[in-house]
Amino acid sequence: MDASGFTATLTGRVDGGRVVYERTSLKAGGLTRHHRMTLSPENGRVIQTGEHSDDAGKTWSRDFQLTYVRRAA
């Protein structure tokens, strides 16, 4: 759930050391949009990437990319 109250149900899997979550939504006109969020470990950090596809996963456009770093003690 985000700050606006929007909720999304995602299906997840582990793929080559990454965690990948996916879901679909309907756009205006009845078109299907595919969404995926990937969590990837990289050099002691975690990279979270959100993407969407309007062509059944043939091509993907990045919506955001976040980097999580462990806070120093």
Protein backbone atom coordinates (compact mmCIF):
# COMPACT_ATOMS: atom_id res chain seq x y z
CA MET A 1 0.00 0.00 0.00
CA ASP A 2 1.34 3.41 -0.85
CA ALA A 3 0.66 6.77 0.79
CA SER A 4 -2.49 7.30 -1.30
CA GLY A 5 -4.00 3.98 -0.19
CA PHE A 6 -3.34 2.19 -3.51
CA THR A 7 -2.69 -1.52 -3.11
CA ALA A 8 -1.28 -4.00 -5.60
CA THR A 9 -1.02 -7.78 -5.48
CA LEU A 10 2.24 -9.06 -6.92
CA THR A 11 3.56 -12.56 -7.59
CA GLY A 12 7.22 -13.13 -6.76
CA ARG A 13 10.03 -15.51 -7.62
CA VAL A 14 13.78 -15.83 -7.23
CA ASP A 15 15.64 -15.59 -10.52
CA GLY A 16 19.45 -15.92 -10.52
CA GLY A 17 19.90 -14.38 -7.08
CA ARG A 18 17.41 -11.58 -7.73
CA VAL A 19 13.86 -11.32 -6.40
CA VAL A 20 11.35 -10.43 -9.11
CA TYR A 21 7.76 -9.35 -8.40
CA GLU A 22 5.20 -9.06 -11.20
CA ARG A 23 1.61 -7.97 -11.75
CA THR A 24 -0.69 -6.80 -14.53
CA SER A 25 -3.14 -3.91 -14.69
CA LEU A 26 -5.68 -2.59 -17.16
CA LYS A 27 -5.10 0.71 -18.92
CA ALA A 28 -7.69 2.93 -20.55
CA GLY A 29 -9.19 1.23 -23.58
CA GLY A 30 -8.82 -2.23 -22.02
CA LEU A 31 -5.11 -2.57 -22.79
CA THR A 32 -3.01 -4.70 -20.42
CA ARG A 33 0.10 -3.26 -18.77
CA HIS A 34 2.68 -5.58 -17.19
CA HIS A 35 4.67 -4.37 -14.19
CA ARG A 36 7.76 -5.84 -12.57
CA MET A 37 9.90 -4.86 -9.63
CA THR A 38 13.33 -6.42 -9.24
CA LEU A 39 15.50 -6.47 -6.11
CA SER A 40 19.15 -7.18 -6.98
CA PRO A 41 22.07 -7.50 -4.55
CA GLU A 42 25.10 -5.57 -5.80
CA ASN A 43 28.36 -4.87 -3.91
CA GLY A 44 26.75 -4.87 -0.46
CA ARG A 45 23.78 -2.80 -1.64
CA VAL A 46 20.35 -3.67 -2.98
CA ILE A 47 19.09 -2.13 -6.23
CA GLN A 48 15.30 -1.92 -6.64
CA THR A 49 14.09 -1.36 -10.20
CA GLY A 50 10.48 -0.81 -11.27
CA GLU A 51 9.52 -1.28 -14.91
CA HIS A 52 6.44 -1.62 -17.11
CA SER A 53 5.66 -3.19 -20.48
CA ASP A 54 2.75 -2.48 -22.81
CA ASP A 55 3.68 -5.25 -25.30
CA ALA A 56 3.37 -8.39 -23.14
CA GLY A 57 6.94 -8.19 -21.87
CA LYS A 58 8.77 -7.86 -25.19
CA THR A 59 10.17 -4.46 -24.19
CA TRP A 60 10.36 -2.77 -20.78
CA SER A 61 10.52 0.89 -19.72
CA ARG A 62 12.06 1.87 -16.39
CA ASP A 63 9.78 3.71 -13.97
CA PHE A 64 12.25 4.08 -11.11
CA GLN A 65 15.49 2.77 -9.67
CA LEU A 66 16.40 2.98 -5.98
CA THR A 67 19.62 2.00 -4.19
CA TYR A 68 19.52 0.76 -0.60
CA VAL A 69 22.73 1.05 1.43
CA ARG A 70 23.28 -0.27 4.94
CA ARG A 71 23.40 2.59 7.41
CA ALA A 72 26.77 2.95 9.18
CA ALA A 73 26.73 1.87 12.82
